[in-house]
């Protein structure tokens, strides 16, 4: 099964930027829809961005216009560029195969913590 490793999180002031990386194992990475999810304490995990195999993207309303997503299939890596960060973006961020998540078949990595101070 494909394993995902998230990195790039940290502590940043409101208005700042971070770039998260998601690196995956497996030869099927280039054909996979990859989602970025986040979970804040006391909240359910939510989808914030998705990139398709052809590079199309989706963003939740809460991050639209501030976050972008890209992929480098040669490196089996998907990036989440987060700009104009807000304290409400504070959460643990995860990536995963979006189809497997919807099917209830995904296993999750440890994620990367993003903390935005006001």
N, C-alpha and C. Protein backbone atom coordinates (compact mmCIF):
# COMPACT_ATOMS: atom_id res chain seq x y z
N UNK A 1 0.85 -1.19 0.00
CA UNK A 1 0.00 0.00 0.00
C UNK A 1 0.88 1.24 0.00
N UNK A 2 0.40 2.28 -0.67
CA UNK A 2 1.15 3.52 -0.75
C UNK A 2 1.23 4.17 0.63
N UNK A 3 2.43 4.63 0.95
CA UNK A 3 2.64 5.35 2.19
C UNK A 3 2.87 6.82 1.86
N UNK A 4 2.28 7.70 2.68
CA UNK A 4 2.44 9.13 2.49
C UNK A 4 3.20 9.73 3.67
N UNK A 5 4.13 10.62 3.37
CA UNK A 5 4.89 11.31 4.41
C UNK A 5 4.76 12.81 4.18
N UNK A 6 4.22 13.49 5.18
CA UNK A 6 4.03 14.94 5.10
C UNK A 6 5.16 15.66 5.83
N UNK A 7 5.53 16.83 5.31
CA UNK A 7 6.57 17.63 5.95
C UNK A 7 6.37 19.10 5.61
N UNK A 8 7.10 19.95 6.30
CA UNK A 8 7.08 21.38 5.99
C UNK A 8 6.27 22.24 6.94
N UNK A 9 5.62 21.62 7.89
CA UNK A 9 4.83 22.41 8.83
C UNK A 9 5.71 23.20 9.78
N UNK A 10 5.07 24.03 10.59
CA UNK A 10 5.82 24.82 11.55
C UNK A 10 4.95 25.90 12.16
N UNK A 11 5.61 26.80 12.85
CA UNK A 11 4.94 27.94 13.49
C UNK A 11 5.18 29.18 12.65
N UNK A 12 4.11 29.88 12.32
CA UNK A 12 4.22 31.07 11.49
C UNK A 12 3.22 32.11 11.99
N UNK A 13 3.55 33.35 11.78
CA UNK A 13 2.63 34.43 12.17
C UNK A 13 1.53 34.58 11.13
N UNK A 14 0.41 35.10 11.57
CA UNK A 14 -0.69 35.36 10.65
C UNK A 14 -0.19 36.23 9.50
N UNK A 15 -0.63 35.88 8.31
CA UNK A 15 -0.18 36.58 7.11
C UNK A 15 1.02 35.94 6.45
N UNK A 16 1.65 35.01 7.13
CA UNK A 16 2.83 34.36 6.60
C UNK A 16 2.50 33.23 5.65
N UNK A 17 3.55 32.52 5.23
CA UNK A 17 3.42 31.44 4.26
C UNK A 17 4.18 30.21 4.71
N UNK A 18 3.72 29.08 4.24
CA UNK A 18 4.41 27.82 4.42
C UNK A 18 4.18 26.98 3.16
N UNK A 19 5.12 26.11 2.87
CA UNK A 19 4.92 25.13 1.79
C UNK A 19 5.06 23.74 2.38
N UNK A 20 4.00 22.99 2.27
CA UNK A 20 4.00 21.61 2.73
C UNK A 20 4.35 20.68 1.58
N UNK A 21 4.99 19.58 1.93
CA UNK A 21 5.33 18.55 0.94
C UNK A 21 4.70 17.23 1.35
N UNK A 22 4.31 16.49 0.37
CA UNK A 22 3.73 15.16 0.57
C UNK A 22 4.45 14.22 -0.39
N UNK A 23 5.21 13.30 0.18
CA UNK A 23 5.95 12.36 -0.64
C UNK A 23 5.37 10.97 -0.45
N UNK A 24 5.19 10.28 -1.57
CA UNK A 24 4.53 8.98 -1.53
C UNK A 24 5.40 7.92 -2.18
N UNK A 25 5.23 6.71 -1.70
CA UNK A 25 5.87 5.57 -2.33
C UNK A 25 4.88 4.97 -3.32
N UNK A 26 5.37 4.17 -4.25
CA UNK A 26 4.44 3.47 -5.13
C UNK A 26 4.47 3.95 -6.55
N UNK A 27 4.34 3.03 -7.46
CA UNK A 27 4.45 3.35 -8.88
C UNK A 27 3.19 3.97 -9.45
N UNK A 28 2.11 3.96 -8.70
CA UNK A 28 0.85 4.50 -9.21
C UNK A 28 0.63 5.95 -8.82
N UNK A 29 1.63 6.58 -8.27
CA UNK A 29 1.46 7.94 -7.75
C UNK A 29 1.00 8.90 -8.83
N UNK A 30 1.60 8.82 -10.01
CA UNK A 30 1.31 9.81 -11.04
C UNK A 30 -0.14 9.78 -11.50
N UNK A 31 -0.82 8.69 -11.32
CA UNK A 31 -2.21 8.58 -11.75
C UNK A 31 -3.19 8.85 -10.62
N UNK A 32 -2.69 9.12 -9.45
CA UNK A 32 -3.55 9.26 -8.27
C UNK A 32 -4.02 10.70 -8.08
N UNK A 33 -5.28 10.82 -7.65
CA UNK A 33 -5.78 12.10 -7.16
C UNK A 33 -5.29 12.21 -5.71
N UNK A 34 -4.62 13.29 -5.39
CA UNK A 34 -4.07 13.47 -4.05
C UNK A 34 -4.80 14.61 -3.35
N UNK A 35 -5.25 14.34 -2.17
CA UNK A 35 -5.94 15.36 -1.38
C UNK A 35 -5.09 15.80 -0.20
N UNK A 36 -5.20 17.08 0.11
CA UNK A 36 -4.64 17.62 1.36
C UNK A 36 -5.80 17.81 2.33
N UNK A 37 -5.63 17.28 3.52
CA UNK A 37 -6.66 17.35 4.55
C UNK A 37 -6.05 18.01 5.79
N UNK A 38 -6.92 18.49 6.64
CA UNK A 38 -6.43 19.02 7.91
C UNK A 38 -7.42 18.68 9.01
N UNK A 39 -6.86 18.60 10.21
CA UNK A 39 -7.69 18.31 11.38
C UNK A 39 -7.22 19.18 12.53
N UNK A 40 -8.11 20.04 12.97
CA UNK A 40 -7.86 20.88 14.14
C UNK A 40 -8.40 20.17 15.38
N UNK A 41 -7.87 20.47 16.54
CA UNK A 41 -8.34 19.82 17.77
C UNK A 41 -9.85 19.95 17.93
N UNK A 42 -10.50 18.82 18.18
CA UNK A 42 -11.93 18.84 18.38
C UNK A 42 -12.75 18.84 17.12
N UNK A 43 -12.08 18.90 15.97
CA UNK A 43 -12.80 18.94 14.69
C UNK A 43 -12.56 17.66 13.89
N UNK A 44 -13.44 17.42 12.95
CA UNK A 44 -13.23 16.30 12.04
C UNK A 44 -12.20 16.69 10.98
N UNK A 45 -11.58 15.69 10.41
CA UNK A 45 -10.65 15.94 9.32
C UNK A 45 -11.43 16.44 8.11
N UNK A 46 -10.90 17.47 7.47
CA UNK A 46 -11.59 18.06 6.33
C UNK A 46 -10.65 18.17 5.14
N UNK A 47 -11.23 18.05 3.95
CA UNK A 47 -10.46 18.23 2.72
C UNK A 47 -10.30 19.72 2.45
N UNK A 48 -9.07 20.14 2.20
CA UNK A 48 -8.85 21.55 1.87
C UNK A 48 -8.40 21.74 0.43
N UNK A 49 -7.77 20.76 -0.16
CA UNK A 49 -7.31 20.90 -1.54
C UNK A 49 -7.14 19.52 -2.16
N UNK A 50 -7.25 19.50 -3.48
CA UNK A 50 -7.08 18.25 -4.21
C UNK A 50 -6.40 18.56 -5.53
N UNK A 51 -5.53 17.67 -5.95
CA UNK A 51 -4.95 17.80 -7.29
C UNK A 51 -5.18 16.49 -8.04
N UNK A 52 -5.64 16.62 -9.26
CA UNK A 52 -5.91 15.43 -10.07
C UNK A 52 -4.63 14.96 -10.74
N UNK A 53 -4.74 13.82 -11.42
CA UNK A 53 -3.58 13.27 -12.10
C UNK A 53 -3.10 14.20 -13.23
N UNK A 54 -4.00 14.97 -13.80
CA UNK A 54 -3.63 15.88 -14.89
C UNK A 54 -3.33 17.30 -14.40
N UNK A 55 -3.36 17.50 -13.10
CA UNK A 55 -3.00 18.80 -12.54
C UNK A 55 -4.16 19.72 -12.23
N UNK A 56 -5.37 19.25 -12.46
CA UNK A 56 -6.52 20.04 -12.07
C UNK A 56 -6.61 20.14 -10.56
N UNK A 57 -7.26 21.17 -10.07
CA UNK A 57 -7.27 21.39 -8.63
C UNK A 57 -8.64 21.77 -8.11
N UNK A 58 -8.80 21.53 -6.83
CA UNK A 58 -10.01 21.91 -6.09
C UNK A 58 -9.54 22.49 -4.76
N UNK A 59 -10.25 23.52 -4.30
CA UNK A 59 -9.95 24.10 -3.00
C UNK A 59 -11.25 24.33 -2.25
N UNK A 60 -11.21 24.11 -0.96
CA UNK A 60 -12.37 24.44 -0.15
C UNK A 60 -12.52 25.96 -0.08
N UNK A 61 -13.70 26.39 0.22
CA UNK A 61 -13.96 27.83 0.28
C UNK A 61 -13.07 28.52 1.31
N UNK A 62 -12.73 27.82 2.36
CA UNK A 62 -11.96 28.43 3.44
C UNK A 62 -10.52 28.76 3.04
N UNK A 63 -10.01 28.12 1.98
CA UNK A 63 -8.62 28.36 1.59
C UNK A 63 -8.50 28.88 0.16
N UNK A 64 -9.59 28.93 -0.56
CA UNK A 64 -9.56 29.36 -1.96
C UNK A 64 -8.97 30.76 -2.07
N UNK A 65 -8.05 30.91 -3.01
CA UNK A 65 -7.40 32.20 -3.20
C UNK A 65 -6.15 32.38 -2.35
N UNK A 66 -5.95 31.53 -1.39
CA UNK A 66 -4.77 31.63 -0.52
C UNK A 66 -3.83 30.43 -0.68
N UNK A 67 -4.37 29.27 -0.96
CA UNK A 67 -3.58 28.05 -1.10
C UNK A 67 -3.50 27.65 -2.57
N UNK A 68 -2.37 27.08 -2.94
CA UNK A 68 -2.24 26.45 -4.26
C UNK A 68 -1.65 25.06 -4.08
N UNK A 69 -1.89 24.22 -5.05
CA UNK A 69 -1.40 22.85 -4.97
C UNK A 69 -0.71 22.50 -6.29
N UNK A 70 0.35 21.75 -6.19
CA UNK A 70 1.10 21.34 -7.39
C UNK A 70 1.69 19.96 -7.14
N UNK A 71 2.16 19.35 -8.20
CA UNK A 71 2.75 18.03 -8.06
C UNK A 71 3.96 17.90 -8.96
N UNK A 72 4.90 17.07 -8.51
CA UNK A 72 6.08 16.70 -9.29
C UNK A 72 6.10 15.18 -9.32
N UNK A 73 5.58 14.62 -10.38
CA UNK A 73 5.47 13.16 -10.45
C UNK A 73 6.83 12.48 -10.48
N UNK A 74 7.83 13.15 -11.01
CA UNK A 74 9.18 12.56 -11.04
C UNK A 74 9.71 12.34 -9.62
N UNK A 75 9.22 13.16 -8.69
CA UNK A 75 9.67 13.04 -7.30
C UNK A 75 8.60 12.41 -6.42
N UNK A 76 7.49 11.96 -7.02
CA UNK A 76 6.38 11.40 -6.23
C UNK A 76 5.98 12.35 -5.10
N UNK A 77 5.89 13.62 -5.42
CA UNK A 77 5.65 14.63 -4.38
C UNK A 77 4.56 15.60 -4.82
N UNK A 78 3.71 15.93 -3.87
CA UNK A 78 2.69 16.96 -4.04
C UNK A 78 2.98 18.06 -3.03
N UNK A 79 2.80 19.30 -3.46
CA UNK A 79 3.08 20.45 -2.61
C UNK A 79 1.79 21.22 -2.32
N UNK A 80 1.72 21.78 -1.14
CA UNK A 80 0.63 22.70 -0.79
C UNK A 80 1.27 24.01 -0.36
N UNK A 81 1.14 25.02 -1.20
CA UNK A 81 1.64 26.34 -0.88
C UNK A 81 0.54 27.11 -0.17
N UNK A 82 0.83 27.54 1.03
CA UNK A 82 -0.17 28.22 1.86
C UNK A 82 0.29 29.65 2.10
N UNK A 83 -0.48 30.59 1.61
CA UNK A 83 -0.17 32.01 1.77
C UNK A 83 -1.26 32.68 2.60
N UNK A 84 -0.94 33.87 3.09
CA UNK A 84 -1.90 34.66 3.88
C UNK A 84 -2.54 33.80 4.97
N UNK A 85 -1.70 33.11 5.70
CA UNK A 85 -2.20 32.18 6.70
C UNK A 85 -2.95 32.90 7.81
N UNK A 86 -3.96 32.22 8.32
CA UNK A 86 -4.80 32.74 9.38
C UNK A 86 -4.73 31.80 10.59
N UNK A 87 -5.00 32.30 11.77
CA UNK A 87 -4.99 31.41 12.95
C UNK A 87 -5.92 30.21 12.78
N UNK A 88 -7.01 30.38 12.06
CA UNK A 88 -7.94 29.26 11.87
C UNK A 88 -7.40 28.19 10.93
N UNK A 89 -6.24 28.44 10.30
CA UNK A 89 -5.59 27.40 9.51
C UNK A 89 -4.77 26.45 10.37
N UNK A 90 -4.66 26.75 11.65
CA UNK A 90 -3.91 25.89 12.56
C UNK A 90 -4.54 24.51 12.62
N UNK A 91 -3.73 23.50 12.35
CA UNK A 91 -4.22 22.11 12.29
C UNK A 91 -3.05 21.19 11.97
N UNK A 92 -3.31 19.91 12.06
CA UNK A 92 -2.40 18.92 11.52
C UNK A 92 -2.84 18.66 10.08
N UNK A 93 -1.90 18.75 9.16
CA UNK A 93 -2.19 18.59 7.74
C UNK A 93 -1.72 17.21 7.27
N UNK A 94 -2.57 16.56 6.51
CA UNK A 94 -2.31 15.23 5.98
C UNK A 94 -2.53 15.23 4.47
N UNK A 95 -1.88 14.30 3.80
CA UNK A 95 -2.19 14.06 2.39
C UNK A 95 -2.55 12.59 2.24
N UNK A 96 -3.28 12.31 1.17
CA UNK A 96 -3.68 10.93 0.94
C UNK A 96 -4.27 10.78 -0.44
N UNK A 97 -4.40 9.55 -0.86
CA UNK A 97 -5.09 9.22 -2.11
C UNK A 97 -6.57 9.51 -1.92
N UNK A 98 -7.06 10.48 -2.65
CA UNK A 98 -8.42 10.97 -2.40
C UNK A 98 -9.47 9.90 -2.66
N UNK A 99 -9.23 9.08 -3.65
CA UNK A 99 -10.21 8.02 -3.96
C UNK A 99 -10.29 7.02 -2.81
N UNK A 100 -9.15 6.68 -2.26
CA UNK A 100 -9.13 5.73 -1.14
C UNK A 100 -9.76 6.34 0.10
N UNK A 101 -9.61 7.63 0.28
CA UNK A 101 -10.23 8.29 1.43
C UNK A 101 -11.75 8.20 1.31
N UNK A 102 -12.25 8.53 0.13
CA UNK A 102 -13.70 8.51 -0.08
C UNK A 102 -14.24 7.09 0.09
N UNK A 103 -13.44 6.10 -0.32
CA UNK A 103 -13.87 4.70 -0.21
C UNK A 103 -13.70 4.15 1.20
N UNK A 104 -13.11 4.94 2.09
CA UNK A 104 -12.91 4.45 3.44
C UNK A 104 -11.78 3.45 3.57
N UNK A 105 -10.84 3.49 2.62
CA UNK A 105 -9.76 2.51 2.59
C UNK A 105 -8.39 3.12 2.89
N UNK A 106 -8.34 4.40 3.20
CA UNK A 106 -7.06 5.07 3.39
C UNK A 106 -6.49 4.82 4.77
N UNK A 107 -5.18 4.67 4.82
CA UNK A 107 -4.47 4.71 6.10
C UNK A 107 -3.71 6.03 6.13
N UNK A 108 -3.56 6.58 7.32
CA UNK A 108 -3.04 7.93 7.45
C UNK A 108 -1.63 7.95 8.05
N UNK A 109 -0.83 8.89 7.56
CA UNK A 109 0.47 9.11 8.15
C UNK A 109 0.36 9.97 9.39
N UNK A 110 1.48 10.49 9.84
CA UNK A 110 1.49 11.29 11.06
C UNK A 110 1.09 12.73 10.81
N UNK A 111 1.13 13.17 9.57
CA UNK A 111 0.78 14.54 9.27
C UNK A 111 1.88 15.50 9.67
N UNK A 112 1.64 16.78 9.40
CA UNK A 112 2.59 17.82 9.78
C UNK A 112 1.82 18.97 10.43
N UNK A 113 2.30 19.42 11.56
CA UNK A 113 1.58 20.44 12.34
C UNK A 113 1.84 21.83 11.76
N UNK A 114 0.77 22.55 11.55
CA UNK A 114 0.85 23.96 11.15
C UNK A 114 0.20 24.77 12.26
N UNK A 115 0.94 25.72 12.79
CA UNK A 115 0.42 26.59 13.83
C UNK A 115 0.59 28.04 13.39
N UNK A 116 -0.52 28.76 13.35
CA UNK A 116 -0.50 30.16 12.93
C UNK A 116 -0.85 31.02 14.13
N UNK A 117 0.08 31.87 14.51
CA UNK A 117 -0.15 32.74 15.67
C UNK A 117 -0.72 34.07 15.21
N UNK A 118 -1.54 34.64 16.06
CA UNK A 118 -2.19 35.92 15.72
C UNK A 118 -1.35 37.10 16.17
